[in-house]
Amino acid sequence: MTCVKKIVLWGMSTLTVLVLLFGYRTSTSSSAATAGGTPSAESPVGGGAGATSASGSATSGTGTGDGGAAASGSGPSSTSPRSSAPSPSASSPATTTVTGAAADTRYGPVQVQLTVASRKITAVRVVEYPDSSGRDQRINAEALPVLVRETLAAQSARIDMVSGATYTSDGYVSSLQSALDKAGI
């Protein structure tokens, strides 16, 4: 009879652990993320030559999916509305703004816009990126600022992928190369 009691107790303990495990919810509130310094994924990511550089670097890798961005660093250096209006610096005669072709990824399109002056990339905006789910928003809030910083540093499409955001990274590099081709860089 004691063996039956042990089995019942073990079964109930296992069931309790499973209920607690599957019932656990993490905070996905955008207000909590915004308060922590990470931008809402509803606004695109951008950065320019006058932007302050955030500390941290990308963790590169060749993951097989967007399982969660493992890149370190703080939020983007600047954000702006999702409109395609050029930045004020784009009005000078030597400055041009080009938009790369939208690259389709498994989770949605990614499109990059560059501001170029004297064959040098001075600003990068991600005008379109996957943001339909909370997961997409979390991943891209971490990955896109890293990709923008790397683009400004490398001045080319030869940048590292962001581990955990492989699909977004692939789409970003494809659209970036398209924009670079249009700009003649």
Protein backbone atom coordinates (compact mmCIF):
# COMPACT_ATOMS: atom_id res chain seq x y z
CA MET A 1 0.00 0.00 0.00
CA THR A 2 2.88 2.43 0.65
CA CYS A 3 4.13 1.92 -2.90
CA VAL A 4 0.76 3.09 -4.28
CA LYS A 5 0.90 6.20 -2.05
CA LYS A 6 4.38 7.02 -3.33
CA ILE A 7 3.26 6.67 -6.95
CA VAL A 8 0.22 8.89 -6.36
CA LEU A 9 2.37 11.48 -4.56
CA TRP A 10 4.95 11.42 -7.37
CA GLY A 11 2.19 11.79 -10.02
CA MET A 12 0.60 14.72 -8.20
CA SER A 13 3.98 16.42 -7.76
CA THR A 14 4.74 16.02 -11.45
CA LEU A 15 1.32 17.37 -12.40
CA THR A 16 1.78 20.37 -10.10
CA VAL A 17 5.17 21.18 -11.60
CA LEU A 18 3.76 20.94 -15.14
CA VAL A 19 0.82 23.22 -14.29
CA LEU A 20 3.18 25.79 -12.77
CA LEU A 21 5.59 25.54 -15.68
CA PHE A 22 3.00 25.99 -18.41
CA GLY A 23 1.08 28.62 -16.47
CA TYR A 24 4.11 30.92 -16.05
CA ARG A 25 3.85 34.10 -18.10
CA THR A 26 6.71 36.45 -18.75
CA SER A 27 6.17 40.18 -19.02
CA THR A 28 5.62 41.20 -22.63
CA SER A 29 4.27 44.64 -21.94
CA SER A 30 5.68 47.29 -24.26
CA SER A 31 5.51 49.84 -21.46
CA ALA A 32 7.86 47.70 -19.37
CA ALA A 33 10.25 47.40 -22.29
CA THR A 34 10.10 51.13 -22.99
CA ALA A 35 10.75 51.96 -19.35
CA GLY A 36 13.85 49.74 -19.51
CA GLY A 37 15.31 51.73 -22.38
CA THR A 38 14.36 49.36 -25.19
CA PRO A 39 12.17 51.04 -27.79
CA SER A 40 8.76 49.84 -28.80
CA ALA A 41 9.12 47.80 -31.97
CA GLU A 42 6.41 49.91 -33.60
CA SER A 43 8.96 52.51 -34.60
CA PRO A 44 11.79 51.73 -36.99
CA VAL A 45 15.39 51.77 -35.98
CA GLY A 46 17.79 54.37 -37.27
CA GLY A 47 21.18 55.74 -36.58
CA GLY A 48 23.39 58.39 -38.01
CA ALA A 49 26.84 59.83 -37.79
CA GLY A 50 25.77 62.24 -35.04
CA ALA A 51 24.18 59.50 -32.94
CA THR A 52 25.87 58.34 -29.81
CA SER A 53 27.22 54.84 -29.91
CA ALA A 54 25.80 52.37 -27.42
CA SER A 55 28.15 50.04 -25.64
CA GLY A 56 28.07 46.36 -26.41
CA SER A 57 28.66 44.28 -29.46
CA ALA A 58 26.81 41.69 -31.46
CA THR A 59 27.10 38.06 -30.72
CA SER A 60 27.56 36.59 -34.13
CA GLY A 61 26.60 33.11 -35.06
CA THR A 62 24.78 31.01 -37.56
CA GLY A 63 21.64 30.03 -35.70
CA THR A 64 18.84 28.46 -37.66
CA GLY A 65 16.06 30.79 -36.64
CA ASP A 66 14.95 33.87 -34.81
CA GLY A 67 14.83 32.06 -31.47
CA GLY A 68 15.59 35.18 -29.46
CA ALA A 69 18.24 37.75 -29.99
CA ALA A 70 21.38 37.02 -28.06
CA ALA A 71 23.05 40.29 -28.92
CA SER A 72 24.16 42.51 -26.14
CA GLY A 73 23.96 46.25 -26.03
CA SER A 74 21.41 48.89 -25.32
CA GLY A 75 18.60 50.18 -27.51
CA PRO A 76 18.99 52.10 -30.72
CA SER A 77 20.70 55.44 -30.87
CA SER A 78 17.63 57.10 -32.35
CA THR A 79 14.15 56.27 -33.51
CA SER A 80 11.75 57.95 -35.87
CA PRO A 81 8.27 57.35 -37.27
CA ARG A 82 7.74 54.72 -39.93
CA SER A 83 7.31 57.32 -42.67
CA SER A 84 9.70 57.26 -45.60
CA ALA A 85 10.49 60.98 -45.34
CA PRO A 86 14.23 61.64 -45.57
CA SER A 87 16.08 63.05 -42.62
CA PRO A 88 16.91 66.77 -42.54
CA SER A 89 20.51 66.02 -43.52
CA ALA A 90 19.24 64.49 -46.77
CA SER A 91 18.40 67.96 -48.11
CA SER A 92 22.01 69.03 -48.73
CA PRO A 93 23.15 68.69 -52.35
CA ALA A 94 25.93 66.17 -51.65
CA THR A 95 23.67 63.91 -49.59
CA THR A 96 21.37 61.29 -51.09
CA THR A 97 18.89 58.90 -49.55
CA VAL A 98 18.35 55.49 -51.15
CA THR A 99 16.02 52.70 -50.15
CA GLY A 100 16.95 49.10 -50.80
CA ALA A 101 14.53 46.54 -52.12
CA ALA A 102 12.39 44.87 -49.46
CA ALA A 103 13.82 41.43 -48.69
CA ASP A 104 11.19 38.82 -47.88
CA THR A 105 12.00 36.64 -44.88
CA ARG A 106 10.14 33.82 -43.21
CA TYR A 107 8.68 36.28 -40.68
CA GLY A 108 8.09 39.27 -42.97
CA PRO A 109 9.89 41.80 -45.16
CA VAL A 110 12.96 43.78 -44.12
CA GLN A 111 13.82 47.05 -45.88
CA VAL A 112 16.75 49.38 -45.29
CA GLN A 113 17.14 53.07 -46.17
CA LEU A 114 20.57 54.71 -46.33
CA THR A 115 21.67 58.31 -46.26
CA VAL A 116 24.93 58.67 -48.17
CA ALA A 117 27.25 61.68 -48.37
CA SER A 118 30.47 61.62 -50.41
CA ARG A 119 30.21 57.83 -50.86
CA LYS A 120 30.03 57.37 -47.06
CA ILE A 121 27.04 55.95 -45.18
CA THR A 122 26.00 58.62 -42.71
CA ALA A 123 22.67 57.20 -41.52
CA VAL A 124 20.72 53.94 -41.67
CA ARG A 125 16.98 53.50 -41.14
CA VAL A 126 15.15 50.21 -41.11
CA VAL A 127 11.84 51.25 -42.64
CA GLU A 128 10.23 47.82 -42.66
CA TYR A 129 10.82 44.76 -40.50
CA PRO A 130 8.80 41.92 -38.93
CA ASP A 131 6.79 43.20 -35.97
CA SER A 132 3.53 41.28 -36.05
CA SER A 133 4.13 39.37 -32.83
CA GLY A 134 5.61 40.19 -29.46
CA ARG A 135 8.42 37.77 -30.24
CA ASP A 136 9.27 39.62 -33.47
CA GLN A 137 9.21 42.92 -31.61
CA ARG A 138 11.56 41.68 -28.87
CA ILE A 139 14.01 40.11 -31.30
CA ASN A 140 14.14 43.12 -33.62
CA ALA A 141 14.34 45.65 -30.78
CA GLU A 142 17.68 44.05 -29.91
CA ALA A 143 18.95 42.94 -33.33
CA LEU A 144 18.26 45.96 -35.54
CA PRO A 145 20.27 48.51 -33.52
CA VAL A 146 23.24 46.13 -33.62
CA LEU A 147 22.93 45.71 -37.40
CA VAL A 148 22.67 49.49 -37.88
CA ARG A 149 25.76 50.13 -35.74
CA GLU A 150 27.73 47.48 -37.61
CA THR A 151 26.70 48.95 -40.96
CA LEU A 152 27.88 52.42 -39.95
CA ALA A 153 31.17 50.97 -38.69
CA ALA A 154 31.82 48.68 -41.68
CA GLN A 155 30.52 51.06 -44.37
CA SER A 156 29.51 47.98 -46.36
CA ALA A 157 27.19 44.97 -46.27
CA ARG A 158 29.96 42.79 -44.84
CA ILE A 159 28.62 42.68 -41.30
CA ASP A 160 28.12 39.93 -38.75
CA MET A 161 24.78 38.22 -38.30
CA VAL A 162 23.01 38.64 -34.98
CA SER A 163 22.65 35.31 -33.24
CA GLY A 164 19.00 34.50 -32.64
CA ALA A 165 17.88 36.85 -35.42
CA THR A 166 19.21 34.99 -38.43
CA TYR A 167 16.22 35.59 -40.72
CA THR A 168 16.10 39.30 -39.89
CA SER A 169 19.89 39.56 -40.36
CA ASP A 170 19.72 37.85 -43.77
CA GLY A 171 16.90 40.14 -44.92
CA TYR A 172 18.70 43.21 -43.58
CA VAL A 173 21.95 42.38 -45.41
CA SER A 174 20.06 41.68 -48.64
CA SER A 175 18.17 45.00 -48.53
CA LEU A 176 21.35 46.81 -47.42
CA GLN A 177 23.26 45.46 -50.43
CA SER A 178 20.43 46.57 -52.70
CA ALA A 179 20.59 50.10 -51.25
CA LEU A 180 24.38 50.16 -51.58
CA ASP A 181 24.08 49.13 -55.23
CA LYS A 182 21.58 51.94 -55.87
CA ALA A 183 23.91 54.42 -54.17
CA GLY A 184 26.86 53.20 -56.24
CA ILE A 185 28.94 52.23 -53.23
